[in-house]
Structures are given as structure tokens and as C-alpha cells.
C-alpha atoms as a PDB file:
ATOM      1  CA  MET A   1      50.162 112.064  86.356  1.00  0.00           C
ATOM      2  CA  ALA A   2      50.483 108.923  88.441  1.00  0.00           C
ATOM      3  CA  TYR A   3      49.101 108.950  91.962  1.00  0.00           C
ATOM      4  CA  ASN A   4      50.060 106.805  94.924  1.00  0.00           C
ATOM      5  CA  LEU A   5      47.570 105.734  97.550  1.00  0.00           C
ATOM      6  CA  ILE A   6      48.380 106.043 101.213  1.00  0.00           C
ATOM      7  CA  ILE A   7      45.987 104.139 103.431  1.00  0.00           C
ATOM      8  CA  LYS A   8      45.950 105.351 107.022  1.00  0.00           C
ATOM      9  CA  THR A   9      46.184 102.906 109.925  1.00  0.00           C
ATOM     10  CA  LEU A  10      42.658 103.719 111.118  1.00  0.00           C
ATOM     11  CA  ALA A  11      41.299 102.990 107.642  1.00  0.00           C
ATOM     12  CA  GLU A  12      43.093  99.642 107.624  1.00  0.00           C
ATOM     13  CA  GLN A  13      41.554  98.846 110.999  1.00  0.00           C
ATOM     14  CA  ASP A  14      38.086  99.757 109.685  1.00  0.00           C
ATOM     15  CA  ILE A  15      38.559  97.466 106.706  1.00  0.00           C
ATOM     16  CA  THR A  16      39.763  94.620 108.929  1.00  0.00           C
ATOM     17  CA  GLN A  17      36.743  94.982 111.211  1.00  0.00           C
ATOM     18  CA  ALA A  18      34.358  95.039 108.253  1.00  0.00           C
ATOM     19  CA  VAL A  19      35.959  91.938 106.727  1.00  0.00           C
ATOM     20  CA  GLU A  20      35.712  90.114 110.055  1.00  0.00           C
ATOM     21  CA  TRP A  21      32.053  91.058 110.425  1.00  0.00           C
ATOM     22  CA  TYR A  22      31.196  89.917 106.902  1.00  0.00           C
ATOM     23  CA  ALA A  23      33.124  86.673 107.485  1.00  0.00           C
ATOM     24  CA  GLN A  24      30.639  85.863 110.242  1.00  0.00           C
ATOM     25  CA  GLN A  25      27.767  86.401 107.801  1.00  0.00           C
ATOM     26  CA  SER A  26      29.027  84.422 104.820  1.00  0.00           C
ATOM     27  CA  GLU A  27      32.192  82.816 103.455  1.00  0.00           C
ATOM     28  CA  GLN A  28      32.003  84.719 100.158  1.00  0.00           C
ATOM     29  CA  LEU A  29      31.269  88.205 101.480  1.00  0.00           C
ATOM     30  CA  PRO A  30      34.762  89.115 102.750  1.00  0.00           C
ATOM     31  CA  GLU A  31      36.276  88.443  99.325  1.00  0.00           C
ATOM     32  CA  GLN A  32      33.527  90.431  97.652  1.00  0.00           C
ATOM     33  CA  LEU A  33      34.028  93.350 100.041  1.00  0.00           C
ATOM     34  CA  ILE A  34      37.778  93.383  99.428  1.00  0.00           C
ATOM     35  CA  ALA A  35      37.173  93.271  95.674  1.00  0.00           C
ATOM     36  CA  ALA A  36      34.755  96.220  95.939  1.00  0.00           C
ATOM     37  CA  ILE A  37      37.266  98.214  97.975  1.00  0.00           C
ATOM     38  CA  ASP A  38      40.097  97.361  95.563  1.00  0.00           C
ATOM     39  CA  TYR A  39      37.952  98.434  92.615  1.00  0.00           C
ATOM     40  CA  SER A  40      37.178 101.772  94.285  1.00  0.00           C
ATOM     41  CA  LEU A  41      40.828 102.373  95.176  1.00  0.00           C
ATOM     42  CA  GLU A  42      41.943 101.634  91.610  1.00  0.00           C
ATOM     43  CA  SER A  43      39.267 104.010  90.348  1.00  0.00           C
ATOM     44  CA  ILE A  44      40.599 106.735  92.651  1.00  0.00           C
ATOM     45  CA  LYS A  45      44.137 106.135  91.374  1.00  0.00           C
ATOM     46  CA  LYS A  46      43.043 106.396  87.749  1.00  0.00           C
ATOM     47  CA  ASN A  47      40.890 109.500  88.096  1.00  0.00           C
ATOM     48  CA  PRO A  48      41.048 111.055  91.567  1.00  0.00           C
ATOM     49  CA  GLN A  49      39.322 114.295  90.598  1.00  0.00           C
ATOM     50  CA  HIS A  50      36.263 112.496  89.254  1.00  0.00           C
ATOM     51  CA  TYR A  51      34.560 112.038  92.592  1.00  0.00           C
ATOM     52  CA  GLN A  52      32.468 114.460  94.571  1.00  0.00           C
ATOM     53  CA  ARG A  53      33.953 116.831  97.107  1.00  0.00           C
ATOM     54  CA  ARG A  54      32.281 116.466 100.473  1.00  0.00           C
ATOM     55  CA  TYR A  55      34.156 118.660 102.938  1.00  0.00           C
ATOM     56  CA  GLY A  56      36.564 121.214 101.500  1.00  0.00           C
ATOM     57  CA  GLU A  57      39.162 119.146  99.673  1.00  0.00           C
ATOM     58  CA  VAL A  58      37.928 115.804 101.030  1.00  0.00           C
ATOM     59  CA  ARG A  59      36.319 113.629  98.369  1.00  0.00           C
ATOM     60  CA  ILE A  60      34.339 110.403  98.594  1.00  0.00           C
ATOM     61  CA  VAL A  61      33.754 107.339  96.467  1.00  0.00           C
ATOM     62  CA  PHE A  62      31.212 104.713  97.473  1.00  0.00           C
ATOM     63  CA  THR A  63      31.866 101.010  97.058  1.00  0.00           C
ATOM     64  CA  GLN A  64      29.635  98.978  94.827  1.00  0.00           C
ATOM     65  CA  ARG A  65      27.130  96.756  96.601  1.00  0.00           C
ATOM     66  CA  PHE A  66      28.463  97.496 100.095  1.00  0.00           C
ATOM     67  CA  SER A  67      27.516 100.603 102.031  1.00  0.00           C
ATOM     68  CA  TYR A  68      31.010 101.959 102.512  1.00  0.00           C
ATOM     69  CA  GLY A  69      32.496 105.237 101.428  1.00  0.00           C
ATOM     70  CA  ILE A  70      36.179 105.906 100.957  1.00  0.00           C
ATOM     71  CA  TYR A  71      37.123 109.439 101.926  1.00  0.00           C
ATOM     72  CA  TYR A  72      40.313 110.826 100.436  1.00  0.00           C
ATOM     73  CA  THR A  73      42.280 113.921  99.498  1.00  0.00           C
ATOM     74  CA  ILE A  74      44.527 114.501  96.536  1.00  0.00           C
END
């Protein structure tokens, strides 16, 4: 079964703020953060039930290298 991702406006704002903060730290970090987020989102799309349930039906996947978690429901 194919799944579609819907990213909420508040999540987009969080990502934008994180990218801006990392841009102040280093030129390469924003691209690396976006790549880590993209990798996690693709992983969710491929196998959404793989990740741990945290709160009821809410699941979480953590990004590689960066200390961010992506909370989602199926």
C-alpha cells in the first residue's frame, strides 16, 4: 500500500527555524539537516509501521545525526 505524507504547517515552520539556525552555524549543516529529514520521511513512507509508538497511535522516527524526532500517525 502506498502512503502519502502530509506535513502540517507548524512542522514546516519548525523545519524552517531549524534550517535557519543551522545556517548560522555552518554553510553545510542546513543541507545535511534537510537530507536527514528527507531520509526519515522516505523511510516513513516505505514502512510506516516500523517505528515505535509513543502516545497511542502517534509514532516517532529520529533523524540521523541531528537531534530531531518526526512524530506521525498512519
